[in-house]
Each structure stands twice: as structure tokens, then as C-alpha cells.
PDB file of N, CA and C in Angstrom:
ATOM      1  N   UNK A   1      27.134  15.914 -16.396  1.00  0.00           N
ATOM      2  CA  UNK A   1      26.088  15.391 -15.553  1.00  0.00           C
ATOM      3  C   UNK A   1      25.155  14.560 -16.429  1.00  0.00           C
ATOM      4  N   UNK A   2      24.742  13.383 -15.935  1.00  0.00           N
ATOM      5  CA  UNK A   2      23.864  12.511 -16.695  1.00  0.00           C
ATOM      6  C   UNK A   2      22.400  12.778 -16.411  1.00  0.00           C
ATOM      7  N   UNK A   3      21.604  11.820 -16.774  1.00  0.00           N
ATOM      8  CA  UNK A   3      20.178  11.937 -16.519  1.00  0.00           C
ATOM      9  C   UNK A   3      19.731  10.742 -15.683  1.00  0.00           C
ATOM     10  N   UNK A   4      18.623  10.931 -14.972  1.00  0.00           N
ATOM     11  CA  UNK A   4      18.080   9.872 -14.126  1.00  0.00           C
ATOM     12  C   UNK A   4      16.569   9.972 -14.114  1.00  0.00           C
ATOM     13  N   UNK A   5      15.934   8.833 -13.955  1.00  0.00           N
ATOM     14  CA  UNK A   5      14.488   8.771 -13.800  1.00  0.00           C
ATOM     15  C   UNK A   5      14.206   8.114 -12.457  1.00  0.00           C
ATOM     16  N   UNK A   6      13.300   8.710 -11.685  1.00  0.00           N
ATOM     17  CA  UNK A   6      12.976   8.195 -10.354  1.00  0.00           C
ATOM     18  C   UNK A   6      11.479   8.000 -10.206  1.00  0.00           C
ATOM     19  N   UNK A   7      11.115   6.947  -9.494  1.00  0.00           N
ATOM     20  CA  UNK A   7       9.723   6.630  -9.189  1.00  0.00           C
ATOM     21  C   UNK A   7       9.564   6.741  -7.674  1.00  0.00           C
ATOM     22  N   UNK A   8       8.604   7.525  -7.220  1.00  0.00           N
ATOM     23  CA  UNK A   8       8.368   7.724  -5.795  1.00  0.00           C
ATOM     24  C   UNK A   8       7.004   7.164  -5.431  1.00  0.00           C
ATOM     25  N   UNK A   9       6.963   6.421  -4.337  1.00  0.00           N
ATOM     26  CA  UNK A   9       5.735   5.840  -3.818  1.00  0.00           C
ATOM     27  C   UNK A   9       5.538   6.349  -2.404  1.00  0.00           C
ATOM     28  N   UNK A  10       4.404   6.999  -2.141  1.00  0.00           N
ATOM     29  CA  UNK A  10       4.101   7.549  -0.828  1.00  0.00           C
ATOM     30  C   UNK A  10       2.858   6.846  -0.296  1.00  0.00           C
ATOM     31  N   UNK A  11       3.020   6.128   0.824  1.00  0.00           N
ATOM     32  CA  UNK A  11       1.908   5.376   1.400  1.00  0.00           C
ATOM     33  C   UNK A  11       1.291   6.077   2.603  1.00  0.00           C
ATOM     34  N   UNK A  12       1.685   7.263   2.909  1.00  0.00           N
ATOM     35  CA  UNK A  12       1.204   7.923   4.117  1.00  0.00           C
ATOM     36  C   UNK A  12       0.070   8.887   3.862  1.00  0.00           C
ATOM     37  N   UNK A  13      -0.480   9.400   4.944  1.00  0.00           N
ATOM     38  CA  UNK A  13      -1.482  10.450   4.868  1.00  0.00           C
ATOM     39  C   UNK A  13      -2.861  10.006   4.425  1.00  0.00           C
ATOM     40  N   UNK A  14      -3.151   8.720   4.485  1.00  0.00           N
ATOM     41  CA  UNK A  14      -4.479   8.250   4.134  1.00  0.00           C
ATOM     42  C   UNK A  14      -4.691   7.995   2.656  1.00  0.00           C
ATOM     43  N   UNK A  15      -3.640   8.038   1.875  1.00  0.00           N
ATOM     44  CA  UNK A  15      -3.763   7.756   0.441  1.00  0.00           C
ATOM     45  C   UNK A  15      -2.472   7.133  -0.063  1.00  0.00           C
ATOM     46  N   UNK A  16      -2.541   6.633  -1.280  1.00  0.00           N
ATOM     47  CA  UNK A  16      -1.343   6.141  -1.961  1.00  0.00           C
ATOM     48  C   UNK A  16      -1.099   7.079  -3.133  1.00  0.00           C
ATOM     49  N   UNK A  17       0.097   7.632  -3.198  1.00  0.00           N
ATOM     50  CA  UNK A  17       0.455   8.561  -4.262  1.00  0.00           C
ATOM     51  C   UNK A  17       1.741   8.094  -4.934  1.00  0.00           C
ATOM     52  N   UNK A  18       1.805   8.244  -6.244  1.00  0.00           N
ATOM     53  CA  UNK A  18       3.008   7.899  -6.998  1.00  0.00           C
ATOM     54  C   UNK A  18       3.390   9.067  -7.900  1.00  0.00           C
ATOM     55  N   UNK A  19       4.688   9.213  -8.102  1.00  0.00           N
ATOM     56  CA  UNK A  19       5.196  10.261  -8.994  1.00  0.00           C
ATOM     57  C   UNK A  19       6.370   9.710  -9.783  1.00  0.00           C
ATOM     58  N   UNK A  20       6.487  10.137 -11.021  1.00  0.00           N
ATOM     59  CA  UNK A  20       7.601   9.785 -11.891  1.00  0.00           C
ATOM     60  C   UNK A  20       8.315  11.077 -12.258  1.00  0.00           C
ATOM     61  N   UNK A  21       9.609  11.150 -11.914  1.00  0.00           N
ATOM     62  CA  UNK A  21      10.389  12.362 -12.153  1.00  0.00           C
ATOM     63  C   UNK A  21      11.633  12.043 -12.956  1.00  0.00           C
ATOM     64  N   UNK A  22      12.092  13.023 -13.715  1.00  0.00           N
ATOM     65  CA  UNK A  22      13.372  12.901 -14.400  1.00  0.00           C
ATOM     66  C   UNK A  22      14.269  14.056 -13.966  1.00  0.00           C
ATOM     67  N   UNK A  23      15.548  13.775 -13.946  1.00  0.00           N
ATOM     68  CA  UNK A  23      16.551  14.797 -13.675  1.00  0.00           C
ATOM     69  C   UNK A  23      17.520  14.759 -14.848  1.00  0.00           C
ATOM     70  N   UNK A  24      17.582  15.858 -15.557  1.00  0.00           N
ATOM     71  CA  UNK A  24      18.452  15.924 -16.729  1.00  0.00           C
ATOM     72  C   UNK A  24      19.134  17.283 -16.747  1.00  0.00           C
ATOM     73  N   UNK A  25      20.447  17.261 -16.769  1.00  0.00           N
ATOM     74  CA  UNK A  25      21.263  18.478 -16.754  1.00  0.00           C
ATOM     75  C   UNK A  25      20.883  19.394 -15.582  1.00  0.00           C
ATOM     76  N   UNK A  26      20.631  18.781 -14.440  1.00  0.00           N
ATOM     77  CA  UNK A  26      20.321  19.540 -13.233  1.00  0.00           C
ATOM     78  C   UNK A  26      18.895  20.052 -13.140  1.00  0.00           C
ATOM     79  N   UNK A  27      18.055  19.709 -14.107  1.00  0.00           N
ATOM     80  CA  UNK A  27      16.663  20.165 -14.108  1.00  0.00           C
ATOM     81  C   UNK A  27      15.756  18.999 -13.719  1.00  0.00           C
ATOM     82  N   UNK A  28      14.952  19.225 -12.682  1.00  0.00           N
ATOM     83  CA  UNK A  28      14.005  18.237 -12.194  1.00  0.00           C
ATOM     84  C   UNK A  28      12.658  18.477 -12.874  1.00  0.00           C
ATOM     85  N   UNK A  29      12.106  17.420 -13.494  1.00  0.00           N
ATOM     86  CA  UNK A  29      10.829  17.545 -14.178  1.00  0.00           C
ATOM     87  C   UNK A  29       9.896  16.418 -13.734  1.00  0.00           C
ATOM     88  N   UNK A  30       8.684  16.784 -13.330  1.00  0.00           N
ATOM     89  CA  UNK A  30       7.670  15.806 -12.963  1.00  0.00           C
ATOM     90  C   UNK A  30       6.998  15.334 -14.242  1.00  0.00           C
ATOM     91  N   UNK A  31       7.145  14.043 -14.537  1.00  0.00           N
ATOM     92  CA  UNK A  31       6.571  13.475 -15.758  1.00  0.00           C
ATOM     93  C   UNK A  31       5.132  13.033 -15.543  1.00  0.00           C
ATOM     94  N   UNK A  32       4.839  12.491 -14.352  1.00  0.00           N
ATOM     95  CA  UNK A  32       3.487  12.021 -14.070  1.00  0.00           C
ATOM     96  C   UNK A  32       3.295  11.920 -12.565  1.00  0.00           C
ATOM     97  N   UNK A  33       2.074  12.096 -12.133  1.00  0.00           N
ATOM     98  CA  UNK A  33       1.730  11.917 -10.736  1.00  0.00           C
ATOM     99  C   UNK A  33       0.292  11.424 -10.655  1.00  0.00           C
ATOM    100  N   UNK A  34       0.006  10.561  -9.692  1.00  0.00           N
ATOM    101  CA  UNK A  34      -1.340  10.018  -9.520  1.00  0.00           C
ATOM    102  C   UNK A  34      -1.503   9.576  -8.075  1.00  0.00           C
ATOM    103  N   UNK A  35      -2.721   9.424  -7.653  1.00  0.00           N
ATOM    104  CA  UNK A  35      -2.990   8.981  -6.298  1.00  0.00           C
ATOM    105  C   UNK A  35      -4.374   8.381  -6.181  1.00  0.00           C
ATOM    106  N   UNK A  36      -4.585   7.691  -5.070  1.00  0.00           N
ATOM    107  CA  UNK A  36      -5.887   7.098  -4.793  1.00  0.00           C
ATOM    108  C   UNK A  36      -6.186   7.294  -3.322  1.00  0.00           C
ATOM    109  N   UNK A  37      -7.202   8.078  -3.032  1.00  0.00           N
ATOM    110  CA  UNK A  37      -7.568   8.389  -1.648  1.00  0.00           C
ATOM    111  C   UNK A  37      -8.239   7.212  -0.941  1.00  0.00           C
ATOM    112  N   UNK A  38      -8.593   6.160  -1.680  1.00  0.00           N
ATOM    113  CA  UNK A  38      -9.253   5.007  -1.070  1.00  0.00           C
ATOM    114  C   UNK A  38      -8.266   3.927  -0.669  1.00  0.00           C
ATOM    115  N   UNK A  39      -7.004   4.131  -0.965  1.00  0.00           N
ATOM    116  CA  UNK A  39      -5.963   3.192  -0.548  1.00  0.00           C
ATOM    117  C   UNK A  39      -5.113   3.876   0.506  1.00  0.00           C
ATOM    118  N   UNK A  40      -4.392   3.097   1.264  1.00  0.00           N
ATOM    119  CA  UNK A  40      -3.532   3.683   2.288  1.00  0.00           C
ATOM    120  C   UNK A  40      -4.304   3.982   3.555  1.00  0.00           C
ATOM    121  N   UNK A  41      -3.756   4.824   4.396  1.00  0.00           N
ATOM    122  CA  UNK A  41      -4.412   5.204   5.640  1.00  0.00           C
ATOM    123  C   UNK A  41      -4.598   4.025   6.572  1.00  0.00           C
ATOM    124  N   UNK A  42      -5.703   4.033   7.312  1.00  0.00           N
ATOM    125  CA  UNK A  42      -5.966   2.987   8.292  1.00  0.00           C
ATOM    126  C   UNK A  42      -6.094   1.611   7.668  1.00  0.00           C
ATOM    127  N   UNK A  43      -6.677   1.518   6.472  1.00  0.00           N
ATOM    128  CA  UNK A  43      -6.801   0.215   5.820  1.00  0.00           C
ATOM    129  C   UNK A  43      -5.427  -0.396   5.575  1.00  0.00           C
ATOM    130  N   UNK A  44      -4.524   0.400   5.060  1.00  0.00           N
ATOM    131  CA  UNK A  44      -3.169  -0.083   4.803  1.00  0.00           C
ATOM    132  C   UNK A  44      -2.463  -0.424   6.108  1.00  0.00           C
ATOM    133  N   UNK A  45      -2.578   0.454   7.106  1.00  0.00           N
ATOM    134  CA  UNK A  45      -1.956   0.229   8.411  1.00  0.00           C
ATOM    135  C   UNK A  45      -2.439  -1.082   9.028  1.00  0.00           C
ATOM    136  N   UNK A  46      -3.750  -1.295   8.996  1.00  0.00           N
ATOM    137  CA  UNK A  46      -4.316  -2.505   9.605  1.00  0.00           C
ATOM    138  C   UNK A  46      -3.866  -3.762   8.891  1.00  0.00           C
ATOM    139  N   UNK A  47      -3.761  -3.722   7.570  1.00  0.00           N
ATOM    140  CA  UNK A  47      -3.280  -4.898   6.827  1.00  0.00           C
ATOM    141  C   UNK A  47      -1.816  -5.184   7.145  1.00  0.00           C
ATOM    142  N   UNK A  48      -1.025  -4.128   7.266  1.00  0.00           N
ATOM    143  CA  UNK A  48       0.387  -4.282   7.601  1.00  0.00           C
ATOM    144  C   UNK A  48       0.556  -4.881   8.992  1.00  0.00           C
ATOM    145  N   UNK A  49      -0.192  -4.375   9.954  1.00  0.00           N
ATOM    146  CA  UNK A  49      -0.135  -4.904  11.318  1.00  0.00           C
ATOM    147  C   UNK A  49      -0.566  -6.362  11.339  1.00  0.00           C
ATOM    148  N   UNK A  50      -1.661  -6.673  10.668  1.00  0.00           N
ATOM    149  CA  UNK A  50      -2.143  -8.057  10.623  1.00  0.00           C
ATOM    150  C   UNK A  50      -1.088  -8.989  10.032  1.00  0.00           C
ATOM    151  N   UNK A  51      -0.406  -8.547   8.994  1.00  0.00           N
ATOM    152  CA  UNK A  51       0.655  -9.357   8.393  1.00  0.00           C
ATOM    153  C   UNK A  51       1.755  -9.660   9.413  1.00  0.00           C
ATOM    154  N   UNK A  52       2.219  -8.629  10.126  1.00  0.00           N
ATOM    155  CA  UNK A  52       3.297  -8.839  11.093  1.00  0.00           C
ATOM    156  C   UNK A  52       2.850  -9.680  12.279  1.00  0.00           C
ATOM    157  N   UNK A  53       1.600  -9.558  12.689  1.00  0.00           N
ATOM    158  CA  UNK A  53       1.082 -10.396  13.762  1.00  0.00           C
ATOM    159  C   UNK A  53       1.071 -11.856  13.316  1.00  0.00           C
ATOM    160  N   UNK A  54       0.594 -12.113  12.087  1.00  0.00           N
ATOM    161  CA  UNK A  54       0.568 -13.481  11.575  1.00  0.00           C
ATOM    162  C   UNK A  54       1.980 -14.052  11.437  1.00  0.00           C
ATOM    163  N   UNK A  55       2.919 -13.239  10.993  1.00  0.00           N
ATOM    164  CA  UNK A  55       4.310 -13.698  10.895  1.00  0.00           C
ATOM    165  C   UNK A  55       4.881 -14.017  12.276  1.00  0.00           C
ATOM    166  N   UNK A  56       4.581 -13.180  13.260  1.00  0.00           N
ATOM    167  CA  UNK A  56       5.047 -13.431  14.621  1.00  0.00           C
ATOM    168  C   UNK A  56       4.471 -14.742  15.144  1.00  0.00           C
ATOM    169  N   UNK A  57       3.175 -14.938  14.953  1.00  0.00           N
ATOM    170  CA  UNK A  57       2.533 -16.173  15.400  1.00  0.00           C
ATOM    171  C   UNK A  57       3.155 -17.388  14.715  1.00  0.00           C
ATOM    172  N   UNK A  58       3.371 -17.286  13.411  1.00  0.00           N
ATOM    173  CA  UNK A  58       3.932 -18.401  12.652  1.00  0.00           C
ATOM    174  C   UNK A  58       5.334 -18.758  13.135  1.00  0.00           C
ATOM    175  N   UNK A  59       6.138 -17.736  13.386  1.00  0.00           N
ATOM    176  CA  UNK A  59       7.521 -17.982  13.777  1.00  0.00           C
ATOM    177  C   UNK A  59       7.660 -18.370  15.245  1.00  0.00           C
ATOM    178  N   UNK A  60       6.752 -17.912  16.092  1.00  0.00           N
ATOM    179  CA  UNK A  60       6.872 -18.158  17.521  1.00  0.00           C
ATOM    180  C   UNK A  60       5.845 -19.132  18.066  1.00  0.00           C
ATOM    181  N   UNK A  61       4.871 -19.496  17.256  1.00  0.00           N
ATOM    182  CA  UNK A  61       3.824 -20.429  17.649  1.00  0.00           C
ATOM    183  C   UNK A  61       3.192 -20.055  18.981  1.00  0.00           C
ATOM    184  N   UNK A  62       2.929 -18.776  19.165  1.00  0.00           N
ATOM    185  CA  UNK A  62       2.303 -18.282  20.382  1.00  0.00           C
ATOM    186  C   UNK A  62       1.065 -17.487  20.007  1.00  0.00           C
ATOM    187  N   UNK A  63       0.089 -17.473  20.899  1.00  0.00           N
ATOM    188  CA  UNK A  63      -1.145 -16.745  20.665  1.00  0.00           C
ATOM    189  C   UNK A  63      -1.198 -15.430  21.411  1.00  0.00           C
ATOM    190  N   UNK A  64      -0.086 -14.727  21.505  1.00  0.00           N
ATOM    191  CA  UNK A  64      -0.011 -13.506  22.307  1.00  0.00           C
ATOM    192  C   UNK A  64      -0.896 -12.394  21.778  1.00  0.00           C
ATOM    193  N   UNK A  65      -1.294 -12.471  20.528  1.00  0.00           N
ATOM    194  CA  UNK A  65      -2.056 -11.377  19.925  1.00  0.00           C
ATOM    195  C   UNK A  65      -3.517 -11.756  19.708  1.00  0.00           C
ATOM    196  N   UNK A  66      -4.040 -12.611  20.543  1.00  0.00           N
ATOM    197  CA  UNK A  66      -5.387 -13.114  20.292  1.00  0.00           C
ATOM    198  C   UNK A  66      -6.495 -12.206  20.812  1.00  0.00           C
ATOM    199  N   UNK A  67      -6.178 -11.203  21.590  1.00  0.00           N
ATOM    200  CA  UNK A  67      -7.234 -10.345  22.122  1.00  0.00           C
ATOM    201  C   UNK A  67      -7.220  -8.977  21.461  1.00  0.00           C
ATOM    202  N   UNK A  68      -8.351  -8.321  21.521  1.00  0.00           N
ATOM    203  CA  UNK A  68      -8.478  -6.986  20.944  1.00  0.00           C
ATOM    204  C   UNK A  68      -7.547  -6.007  21.643  1.00  0.00           C
ATOM    205  N   UNK A  69      -7.337  -6.156  22.939  1.00  0.00           N
ATOM    206  CA  UNK A  69      -6.461  -5.264  23.693  1.00  0.00           C
ATOM    207  C   UNK A  69      -5.031  -5.319  23.138  1.00  0.00           C
ATOM    208  N   UNK A  70      -4.518  -6.514  22.877  1.00  0.00           N
ATOM    209  CA  UNK A  70      -3.184  -6.617  22.291  1.00  0.00           C
ATOM    210  C   UNK A  70      -3.141  -5.950  20.923  1.00  0.00           C
ATOM    211  N   UNK A  71      -4.170  -6.182  20.106  1.00  0.00           N
ATOM    212  CA  UNK A  71      -4.250  -5.560  18.781  1.00  0.00           C
ATOM    213  C   UNK A  71      -4.169  -4.046  18.910  1.00  0.00           C
ATOM    214  N   UNK A  72      -4.937  -3.483  19.830  1.00  0.00           N
ATOM    215  CA  UNK A  72      -4.952  -2.034  20.040  1.00  0.00           C
ATOM    216  C   UNK A  72      -3.573  -1.535  20.493  1.00  0.00           C
ATOM    217  N   UNK A  73      -2.949  -2.226  21.429  1.00  0.00           N
ATOM    218  CA  UNK A  73      -1.621  -1.823  21.918  1.00  0.00           C
ATOM    219  C   UNK A  73      -0.580  -1.870  20.815  1.00  0.00           C
ATOM    220  N   UNK A  74      -0.619  -2.906  20.004  1.00  0.00           N
ATOM    221  CA  UNK A  74       0.332  -3.027  18.896  1.00  0.00           C
ATOM    222  C   UNK A  74       0.123  -1.894  17.905  1.00  0.00           C
ATOM    223  N   UNK A  75      -1.119  -1.599  17.577  1.00  0.00           N
ATOM    224  CA  UNK A  75      -1.412  -0.514  16.628  1.00  0.00           C
ATOM    225  C   UNK A  75      -0.887   0.808  17.146  1.00  0.00           C
ATOM    226  N   UNK A  76      -1.103   1.110  18.419  1.00  0.00           N
ATOM    227  CA  UNK A  76      -0.624   2.374  18.993  1.00  0.00           C
ATOM    228  C   UNK A  76       0.893   2.438  19.019  1.00  0.00           C
ATOM    229  N   UNK A  77       1.549   1.357  19.413  1.00  0.00           N
ATOM    230  CA  UNK A  77       3.005   1.382  19.508  1.00  0.00           C
ATOM    231  C   UNK A  77       3.663   1.408  18.135  1.00  0.00           C
ATOM    232  N   UNK A  78       2.999   0.830  17.151  1.00  0.00           N
ATOM    233  CA  UNK A  78       3.563   0.744  15.806  1.00  0.00           C
ATOM    234  C   UNK A  78       3.532   2.096  15.103  1.00  0.00           C
ATOM    235  N   UNK A  79       2.534   2.894  15.379  1.00  0.00           N
ATOM    236  CA  UNK A  79       2.344   4.119  14.610  1.00  0.00           C
ATOM    237  C   UNK A  79       2.535   5.408  15.403  1.00  0.00           C
ATOM    238  N   UNK A  80       2.804   5.318  16.691  1.00  0.00           N
ATOM    239  CA  UNK A  80       2.998   6.558  17.453  1.00  0.00           C
ATOM    240  C   UNK A  80       4.292   6.538  18.208  1.00  0.00           C
TER     241      UNK A  80
END
């Protein structure tokens, strides 16, 4: 059995967390872990939604997402 190193990125739960793990001879070892509670969550969700809305507008040249109601509906459908 060989060895492997893995990097995990978790963007959920209102924070951004990263971990670096190694697997060697069947033993899993956490080498490092860190997180930032000020990243991720609603801020990340809203930026992601805004990006996809802008891409949709650019590709379709339509203003379907110009109202707050559409924004709210997209946010609910995207995350629930």
C-alpha cells in the first residue's frame, strides 16, 4: 500500500474550513486544519448566486433577474 496526501475544502456551515491529511500504510493522519468563520455562509452563497445570475444574463441577454422577488426565489430554490 502506498501513501497519499489529500487537501479538503469545506465551504458549508457558515465558514470555510481546510484540512490536510496523509494516508500512509493504512493510517490516516491530520497534518493541518484551519478555518475562517467570516468566510462562507450567506456571503459566499450570495456571491455564488450573483455570479450565476450575471452569467445567465450575459449568455441569454435577458433581464429576468432584475427584481428582488426573482433574487429571493432563486436563492430559495438554489439552496433548499
